[in-house]
Amino acid sequence: MNVLGIIASGAAALFITVVLAKGVRRATLRAGAAHAPGARPSRAGVVRRLGGTTVVLGVGAAAAAGTGLGAAGGSGRAVTGLLAGAAIMAALGLVHDVRPLGVPLRAVVQTAAATLAVCLAGLTPVAGVLAVTGIVAVTQAFALLDTSDGALAVVGTVTAAGLLVCAALDGRTGLALPPAVLLAGLVGFLLHNWHPARIRPGVGGSLFTGFVLASSGVLILAEAPPERAAWAALPVLATVALADTALVLVSRRRAARPLFQDCGDHTTHRLRRLRVTVPGAAVLLGLWAGAGALTGTLVYAEVLHPAFVLVPVAGSAAAVVALLRIPAYVAPPVTATRRRPPTGTVPAGAVPAGTSPRPGPKPVPAVSESPAPVPSTADPTRTTPGRPTVPPPPTGRPAVGVTADRG
């Protein structure tokens, strides 16, 4: 029964997200056309504020309905806490889209949302502190992936699929509900977020997506049997997001730039400098995330030894080192300035103040010698150098001022 409820919840999330995304796209286009009549509408500001609400409403409504109908089973309390924290994160992101907030305030709200989800999950204090730290870090890492069309949606879809498989392996269909509805919602959102993107997730949708993924991973890890090696398998699912965050922090640290200010130095930006197309960058990130998700699920299913998780980790570290070699910061252009003469010097030909010019020989103007005109016997209709002439009218057409006879 829970399986059918999860499938129904996923279908509802897909349908709601697609319908809302289409409506937001039309409303955005009308608002842009009304704001700038006669010009190409600029959708950046409105789209970033409203694009993520489609995922939030579609996934949140479907997950809440599924939980209320018993699809979460015995994990209903934990799923409720997860959805409550995700709603707080979505509200924080929506406010930040409209009016940017400071880093300390955002960190406090994110910590409070993660604490709420962990407390309702019933974790021990030590595990709860570790879980809150991991949720905040992974959530922020996923939020930073919204740098290119389709990048966050593709990586989030692959990660949600891996979490869904891990939850299904243990028969915990209740914990499979959040990643299942998020997977369906991101697929519906990706239909309008693929390049060229009609809508974008913005900060609200990015924080919501990252929080649901991170909290789902923590809940699955907390209830996984010891033989599953979940401690090694589940963190690998967030390899792409964590690698992109490490790339950004190391790059900005080396360049002495602000750590919390966007400088166009993410993975997608560097791939674009290698002339990778926008869809190509999304596909590469999806393949990268797929390698980590596949390894993590196979380790969780006890098909591979836990040591195999070092393969995607080492590959991600090598990718970060290689991406650091790609220049991400453009030096400011050097403008040519006109040098002023040093103090006490006088330009050539100028007379210092308070002095009179010395008498001397006056300059003699140069006389240009030109050859004497030579009588020409050439055709007078041809142009003579220095003397423009008017050519005769074409044959069969009267010249200006001449009346043609009409027999």
Protein backbone atom coordinates (compact mmCIF):
# COMPACT_ATOMS: atom_id res chain seq x y z
CA MET A 1 0.00 0.00 0.00
CA ASN A 2 2.87 2.35 0.80
CA VAL A 3 4.43 1.66 -2.58
CA LEU A 4 1.24 2.65 -4.35
CA GLY A 5 1.02 5.74 -2.19
CA ILE A 6 4.59 6.75 -3.08
CA ILE A 7 3.92 6.22 -6.78
CA ALA A 8 0.75 8.31 -6.57
CA SER A 9 2.58 11.04 -4.66
CA GLY A 10 5.34 11.12 -7.29
CA ALA A 11 2.82 11.37 -10.11
CA ALA A 12 1.05 14.20 -8.29
CA ALA A 13 4.35 16.05 -7.77
CA LEU A 14 5.17 15.71 -11.47
CA PHE A 15 1.75 16.96 -12.57
CA ILE A 16 1.62 19.90 -10.14
CA THR A 17 5.15 21.04 -10.95
CA VAL A 18 4.60 20.94 -14.71
CA VAL A 19 1.32 22.88 -14.48
CA LEU A 20 2.71 25.51 -12.11
CA ALA A 21 5.91 25.90 -14.13
CA LYS A 22 3.93 26.54 -17.29
CA GLY A 23 1.73 29.08 -15.51
CA VAL A 24 4.73 30.88 -14.00
CA ARG A 25 6.38 31.04 -17.41
CA ARG A 26 3.32 32.66 -19.00
CA ALA A 27 2.86 35.10 -16.12
CA THR A 28 6.53 36.05 -16.29
CA LEU A 29 6.38 36.73 -20.02
CA ARG A 30 3.29 38.91 -19.61
CA ALA A 31 4.87 40.83 -16.75
CA GLY A 32 8.03 41.40 -18.75
CA ALA A 33 6.10 42.56 -21.83
CA ALA A 34 4.03 44.97 -19.74
CA HIS A 35 7.13 46.31 -18.01
CA ALA A 36 9.01 47.11 -21.21
CA PRO A 37 6.58 47.59 -24.11
CA GLY A 38 8.08 47.35 -27.55
CA ALA A 39 11.28 45.72 -26.29
CA ARG A 40 12.46 42.24 -25.61
CA PRO A 41 11.23 41.38 -22.10
CA SER A 42 13.86 40.81 -19.43
CA ARG A 43 12.73 37.87 -17.32
CA ALA A 44 15.76 37.51 -15.03
CA GLY A 45 14.46 39.15 -11.86
CA VAL A 46 10.91 37.76 -11.85
CA VAL A 47 11.96 34.30 -13.00
CA ARG A 48 14.55 33.90 -10.26
CA ARG A 49 11.97 34.82 -7.64
CA LEU A 50 9.17 32.59 -8.89
CA GLY A 51 10.87 29.68 -10.66
CA GLY A 52 11.73 27.74 -7.51
CA THR A 53 8.23 28.03 -6.09
CA THR A 54 6.97 25.51 -8.65
CA VAL A 55 9.22 22.79 -7.19
CA VAL A 56 8.47 23.85 -3.63
CA LEU A 57 4.69 23.79 -4.07
CA GLY A 58 4.57 20.67 -6.24
CA VAL A 59 6.90 18.55 -4.12
CA GLY A 60 5.66 19.93 -0.80
CA ALA A 61 1.99 19.43 -1.60
CA ALA A 62 2.49 15.88 -2.91
CA ALA A 63 4.70 14.85 0.02
CA ALA A 64 2.33 16.36 2.59
CA ALA A 65 -0.66 14.62 1.00
CA GLY A 66 1.20 11.32 0.86
CA THR A 67 2.22 11.61 4.51
CA GLY A 68 -1.33 12.43 5.53
CA LEU A 69 -2.65 9.40 3.66
CA GLY A 70 -0.15 7.09 5.38
CA ALA A 71 2.42 6.68 2.58
CA ALA A 72 5.23 7.50 5.03
CA GLY A 73 4.27 4.62 7.32
CA GLY A 74 6.19 4.52 10.59
CA SER A 75 8.50 7.34 9.46
CA GLY A 76 5.69 9.87 9.36
CA ARG A 77 7.13 11.98 12.20
CA ALA A 78 10.58 12.15 10.61
CA VAL A 79 9.13 13.00 7.18
CA THR A 80 6.98 15.72 8.75
CA GLY A 81 10.04 17.29 10.34
CA LEU A 82 11.86 17.11 7.02
CA LEU A 83 9.04 18.88 5.20
CA ALA A 84 8.78 21.55 7.91
CA GLY A 85 12.50 22.31 7.69
CA ALA A 86 12.33 22.34 3.88
CA ALA A 87 9.48 24.85 4.02
CA ILE A 88 11.58 27.12 6.24
CA MET A 89 14.47 26.89 3.80
CA ALA A 90 12.21 27.67 0.86
CA ALA A 91 10.81 30.75 2.64
CA LEU A 92 14.36 31.88 3.46
CA GLY A 93 15.41 31.54 -0.17
CA LEU A 94 12.34 33.36 -1.47
CA VAL A 95 13.01 36.29 0.86
CA HIS A 96 16.65 36.30 -0.21
CA ASP A 97 15.59 36.38 -3.87
CA VAL A 98 13.54 39.51 -3.22
CA ARG A 99 15.88 41.19 -0.76
CA PRO A 100 19.36 39.72 -0.19
CA LEU A 101 20.05 38.70 3.40
CA GLY A 102 23.33 38.58 5.28
CA VAL A 103 25.36 35.41 5.69
CA PRO A 104 24.99 35.23 9.51
CA LEU A 105 21.20 35.46 9.36
CA ARG A 106 20.99 32.80 6.66
CA ALA A 107 23.29 30.50 8.63
CA VAL A 108 21.12 30.85 11.75
CA VAL A 109 17.90 30.07 9.87
CA GLN A 110 19.45 27.09 8.08
CA THR A 111 20.74 25.70 11.38
CA ALA A 112 17.31 26.11 12.97
CA ALA A 113 15.59 24.30 10.09
CA ALA A 114 18.09 21.43 10.23
CA THR A 115 17.71 21.21 14.02
CA LEU A 116 13.93 20.95 13.66
CA ALA A 117 14.23 18.08 11.19
CA VAL A 118 16.79 16.26 13.35
CA CYS A 119 14.78 16.67 16.57
CA LEU A 120 11.63 15.21 15.01
CA ALA A 121 13.71 12.33 13.65
CA GLY A 122 14.62 11.31 17.20
CA LEU A 123 18.43 11.22 16.87
CA THR A 124 20.80 11.22 19.85
CA PRO A 125 22.50 14.54 20.78
CA VAL A 126 25.88 13.58 19.34
CA ALA A 127 24.38 12.17 16.14
CA GLY A 128 22.07 15.18 16.00
CA VAL A 129 24.95 17.67 16.05
CA LEU A 130 26.75 15.78 13.30
CA ALA A 131 23.52 15.53 11.31
CA VAL A 132 22.79 19.27 11.60
CA THR A 133 26.32 20.10 10.45
CA GLY A 134 26.06 17.73 7.49
CA ILE A 135 22.62 18.96 6.47
CA VAL A 136 23.68 22.62 6.49
CA ALA A 137 26.89 21.91 4.55
CA VAL A 138 25.28 19.71 1.88
CA THR A 139 22.29 22.04 1.52
CA GLN A 140 24.54 25.02 0.85
CA ALA A 141 26.66 22.96 -1.54
CA PHE A 142 23.63 22.02 -3.64
CA ALA A 143 22.37 25.60 -3.55
CA LEU A 144 25.63 26.73 -5.19
CA LEU A 145 24.98 24.50 -8.22
CA ASP A 146 22.38 26.88 -9.65
CA THR A 147 24.89 28.49 -12.00
CA SER A 148 23.72 27.20 -15.39
CA ASP A 149 20.55 26.03 -17.10
CA GLY A 150 19.61 22.54 -15.97
CA ALA A 151 22.68 22.00 -13.75
CA LEU A 152 20.92 21.82 -10.38
CA ALA A 153 17.91 19.92 -11.74
CA VAL A 154 20.05 17.25 -13.40
CA VAL A 155 22.35 16.69 -10.41
CA GLY A 156 19.40 16.75 -8.01
CA THR A 157 17.49 14.21 -10.10
CA VAL A 158 20.43 11.78 -10.17
CA THR A 159 21.05 12.18 -6.43
CA ALA A 160 17.37 11.69 -5.58
CA ALA A 161 17.33 8.52 -7.65
CA GLY A 162 20.28 7.15 -5.70
CA LEU A 163 18.63 7.94 -2.36
CA LEU A 164 15.40 6.33 -3.54
CA VAL A 165 17.22 3.11 -4.41
CA CYS A 166 19.03 3.04 -1.06
CA ALA A 167 15.76 3.52 0.85
CA ALA A 168 14.00 0.86 -1.21
CA LEU A 169 16.77 -1.70 -0.58
CA ASP A 170 15.91 -1.73 3.14
CA GLY A 171 12.17 -1.80 2.52
CA ARG A 172 11.72 1.58 4.22
CA THR A 173 9.12 3.01 1.89
CA GLY A 174 8.40 5.84 4.31
CA LEU A 175 11.91 7.25 3.93
CA ALA A 176 11.63 6.75 0.17
CA LEU A 177 8.75 9.23 -0.04
CA PRO A 178 10.79 12.51 0.06
CA PRO A 179 13.37 11.52 -2.60
CA ALA A 180 10.62 9.98 -4.76
CA VAL A 181 8.46 13.11 -4.90
CA LEU A 182 11.55 15.32 -5.31
CA LEU A 183 12.72 13.17 -8.22
CA ALA A 184 9.35 13.54 -9.94
CA GLY A 185 9.18 17.27 -9.23
CA LEU A 186 12.67 17.93 -10.60
CA VAL A 187 11.87 16.00 -13.78
CA GLY A 188 8.81 18.20 -14.32
CA PHE A 189 10.82 21.31 -13.54
CA LEU A 190 13.61 20.27 -15.91
CA LEU A 191 11.17 20.41 -18.83
CA HIS A 192 11.18 24.22 -18.47
CA ASN A 193 14.68 24.61 -16.99
CA TRP A 194 16.61 22.97 -19.84
CA HIS A 195 18.59 25.35 -22.01
CA PRO A 196 17.34 27.86 -22.99
CA ALA A 197 15.75 28.00 -19.53
CA ARG A 198 12.22 29.41 -19.28
CA ILE A 199 12.36 29.38 -15.48
CA ARG A 200 15.15 28.97 -12.95
CA PRO A 201 15.10 27.59 -9.41
CA GLY A 202 16.56 30.66 -7.72
CA VAL A 203 17.73 30.57 -4.11
CA GLY A 204 14.37 29.31 -2.83
CA GLY A 205 14.24 26.25 -5.07
CA SER A 206 17.96 25.55 -4.64
CA LEU A 207 17.85 25.57 -0.83
CA PHE A 208 14.67 23.49 -0.83
CA THR A 209 16.20 20.89 -3.15
CA GLY A 210 19.45 20.68 -1.22
CA PHE A 211 17.68 20.43 2.13
CA VAL A 212 15.38 17.60 1.03
CA LEU A 213 18.33 15.64 -0.40
CA ALA A 214 20.57 16.21 2.61
CA SER A 215 17.86 15.43 5.18
CA SER A 216 16.76 12.31 3.30
CA GLY A 217 20.33 11.06 3.30
CA VAL A 218 20.66 11.69 7.04
CA LEU A 219 17.40 9.84 7.82
CA ILE A 220 18.39 6.85 5.66
CA LEU A 221 21.83 6.80 7.27
CA ALA A 222 20.34 6.92 10.77
CA GLU A 223 18.07 3.92 10.20
CA ALA A 224 20.37 1.86 7.97
CA PRO A 225 21.60 -1.51 9.30
CA PRO A 226 25.30 -1.63 10.25
CA GLU A 227 26.19 -4.06 7.45
CA ARG A 228 25.12 -1.56 4.80
CA ALA A 229 28.19 0.71 5.28
CA ALA A 230 25.89 3.68 4.84
CA TRP A 231 28.48 5.95 6.47
CA ALA A 232 30.66 5.51 3.36
CA ALA A 233 28.00 5.05 0.67
CA LEU A 234 25.61 7.95 1.24
CA PRO A 235 28.12 10.86 1.37
CA VAL A 236 29.37 9.84 -2.09
CA LEU A 237 25.98 10.80 -3.53
CA ALA A 238 26.82 14.47 -2.89
CA THR A 239 30.23 14.29 -4.58
CA VAL A 240 29.48 16.83 -7.31
CA ALA A 241 28.03 19.47 -5.00
CA LEU A 242 30.84 19.13 -2.45
CA ALA A 243 33.51 19.17 -5.17
CA ASP A 244 32.07 22.34 -6.69
CA THR A 245 32.05 24.00 -3.26
CA ALA A 246 35.66 22.97 -2.64
CA LEU A 247 36.64 24.30 -6.06
CA VAL A 248 35.05 27.66 -5.34
CA LEU A 249 36.50 28.06 -1.85
CA VAL A 250 40.05 27.08 -2.87
CA SER A 251 39.95 29.28 -5.96
CA ARG A 252 38.72 32.35 -4.10
CA ARG A 253 41.18 31.77 -1.29
CA ARG A 254 44.09 31.59 -3.70
CA ALA A 255 42.93 34.71 -5.53
CA ALA A 256 42.29 36.63 -2.27
CA ARG A 257 38.63 37.17 -3.16
CA PRO A 258 35.59 37.21 -0.84
CA LEU A 259 34.52 33.68 0.00
CA PHE A 260 30.79 34.42 0.03
CA GLN A 261 30.58 36.60 -3.09
CA ASP A 262 29.75 35.04 -6.45
CA CYS A 263 32.66 35.56 -8.82
CA GLY A 264 31.72 33.32 -11.77
CA ASP A 265 34.22 30.62 -10.78
CA HIS A 266 32.04 27.52 -10.48
CA THR A 267 32.43 24.29 -12.41
CA THR A 268 29.95 25.31 -15.10
CA HIS A 269 31.71 28.63 -15.63
CA ARG A 270 35.06 26.93 -16.16
CA LEU A 271 33.52 24.39 -18.53
CA ARG A 272 32.11 27.27 -20.55
CA ARG A 273 35.62 28.69 -20.83
CA LEU A 274 36.59 25.38 -22.43
CA ARG A 275 33.86 26.04 -25.02
CA VAL A 276 31.53 23.41 -23.57
CA THR A 277 27.92 24.27 -24.38
CA VAL A 278 25.36 24.91 -21.65
CA PRO A 279 23.52 21.60 -22.28
CA GLY A 280 26.88 19.86 -22.47
CA ALA A 281 27.86 21.22 -19.05
CA ALA A 282 24.60 19.91 -17.55
CA VAL A 283 25.17 16.49 -19.12
CA LEU A 284 28.75 16.32 -17.82
CA LEU A 285 27.61 17.19 -14.31
CA GLY A 286 24.89 14.54 -14.59
CA LEU A 287 27.40 11.89 -15.63
CA TRP A 288 29.71 12.95 -12.82
CA ALA A 289 26.87 12.69 -10.31
CA GLY A 290 25.77 9.39 -11.85
CA ALA A 291 29.19 7.84 -11.25
CA GLY A 292 29.03 8.77 -7.58
CA ALA A 293 25.41 7.66 -7.21
CA LEU A 294 26.07 4.32 -8.90
CA THR A 295 29.10 3.62 -6.71
CA GLY A 296 27.26 4.64 -3.56
CA THR A 297 24.22 2.49 -4.26
CA LEU A 298 26.34 -0.55 -5.14
CA VAL A 299 28.32 -0.15 -1.92
CA TYR A 300 25.08 0.29 0.04
CA ALA A 301 23.69 -2.85 -1.58
CA GLU A 302 26.87 -4.71 -0.50
CA VAL A 303 27.76 -5.46 -4.10
CA LEU A 304 31.04 -3.52 -3.82
CA HIS A 305 33.45 -3.16 -0.94
CA PRO A 306 33.28 0.17 0.94
CA ALA A 307 36.80 0.94 -0.27
CA PHE A 308 35.40 1.49 -3.76
CA VAL A 309 33.95 4.82 -2.60
CA LEU A 310 37.49 6.17 -2.87
CA VAL A 311 37.27 5.88 -6.66
CA PRO A 312 34.70 8.69 -7.20
CA VAL A 313 36.28 10.69 -4.37
CA ALA A 314 39.72 10.51 -5.99
CA GLY A 315 38.24 11.28 -9.39
CA SER A 316 36.45 14.32 -8.01
CA ALA A 317 39.64 15.54 -6.35
CA ALA A 318 41.52 15.18 -9.65
CA ALA A 319 38.73 17.05 -11.43
CA VAL A 320 38.97 19.91 -8.93
CA VAL A 321 42.74 20.14 -9.43
CA ALA A 322 42.29 20.18 -13.20
CA LEU A 323 39.54 22.81 -13.03
CA LEU A 324 41.71 25.05 -10.87
CA ARG A 325 44.09 25.38 -13.82
CA ILE A 326 41.36 27.01 -15.90
CA PRO A 327 41.42 30.79 -15.41
CA ALA A 328 38.20 31.98 -13.84
CA TYR A 329 38.90 35.62 -13.05
CA VAL A 330 39.36 38.22 -15.76
CA ALA A 331 41.82 40.97 -14.94
CA PRO A 332 40.44 44.53 -15.21
CA PRO A 333 41.31 46.18 -18.53
CA VAL A 334 44.30 48.52 -18.49
CA THR A 335 43.20 51.96 -19.67
CA ALA A 336 45.70 54.22 -21.41
CA THR A 337 46.26 57.39 -19.39
CA ARG A 338 47.79 60.55 -20.70
CA ARG A 339 50.94 61.39 -18.79
CA ARG A 340 51.33 64.91 -17.53
CA PRO A 341 54.66 66.63 -18.00
CA PRO A 342 56.83 66.76 -14.87
CA THR A 343 56.66 69.86 -12.72
CA GLY A 344 59.02 72.58 -13.92
CA THR A 345 59.20 71.46 -17.52
CA VAL A 346 57.82 73.42 -20.43
CA PRO A 347 56.36 71.76 -23.52
CA ALA A 348 58.12 72.28 -26.80
CA GLY A 349 57.16 75.55 -28.45
CA ALA A 350 55.64 77.08 -25.31
CA VAL A 351 56.92 80.24 -23.65
CA PRO A 352 57.33 80.22 -19.88
CA ALA A 353 55.15 82.64 -17.97
CA GLY A 354 56.72 86.02 -17.21
CA THR A 355 59.22 85.92 -20.09
CA SER A 356 59.18 87.43 -23.54
CA PRO A 357 60.14 85.59 -26.67
CA ARG A 358 63.69 86.24 -27.89
CA PRO A 359 64.09 87.94 -31.26
CA GLY A 360 65.20 85.59 -33.89
CA PRO A 361 64.78 84.74 -37.54
CA LYS A 362 61.19 84.46 -38.57
CA PRO A 363 60.13 81.14 -40.02
CA VAL A 364 59.89 81.08 -43.77
CA PRO A 365 56.76 79.30 -45.04
CA ALA A 366 57.49 76.32 -47.16
CA VAL A 367 56.67 76.70 -50.82
CA SER A 368 55.52 73.61 -52.60
CA GLU A 369 56.79 73.31 -56.11
CA SER A 370 54.25 72.01 -58.60
CA PRO A 371 55.02 71.17 -62.21
CA ALA A 372 53.78 73.50 -64.90
CA PRO A 373 50.56 72.45 -66.60
CA VAL A 374 51.10 70.52 -69.75
CA PRO A 375 48.52 70.78 -72.51
CA SER A 376 46.77 67.48 -72.93
CA THR A 377 45.42 66.09 -76.14
CA ALA A 378 43.47 63.37 -74.40
CA ASP A 379 39.74 62.90 -74.61
CA PRO A 380 38.12 65.89 -72.83
CA THR A 381 35.39 63.65 -71.44
CA ARG A 382 37.87 61.76 -69.26
CA THR A 383 38.62 62.97 -65.78
CA THR A 384 41.72 65.09 -65.38
CA PRO A 385 43.56 64.71 -62.07
CA GLY A 386 42.55 67.53 -59.74
CA ARG A 387 39.76 68.82 -62.03
CA PRO A 388 36.44 66.98 -61.83
CA THR A 389 34.47 66.85 -65.04
CA VAL A 390 30.85 65.98 -65.76
CA PRO A 391 30.47 63.03 -68.16
CA PRO A 392 28.03 63.38 -71.05
CA PRO A 393 24.53 61.89 -70.67
CA PRO A 394 23.95 58.29 -71.75
CA THR A 395 22.97 57.63 -75.31
CA GLY A 396 19.25 57.67 -75.96
CA ARG A 397 18.41 59.83 -72.93
CA PRO A 398 18.21 63.64 -73.03
CA ALA A 399 20.61 65.61 -70.88
CA VAL A 400 19.49 67.94 -68.14
CA GLY A 401 18.05 71.14 -69.63
CA VAL A 402 17.53 69.69 -73.11
CA THR A 403 13.98 69.10 -74.34
CA ALA A 404 13.41 65.90 -76.21
CA ASP A 405 11.31 66.00 -79.36
CA ARG A 406 8.16 63.91 -79.20
CA GLY A 407 7.27 63.34 -82.83
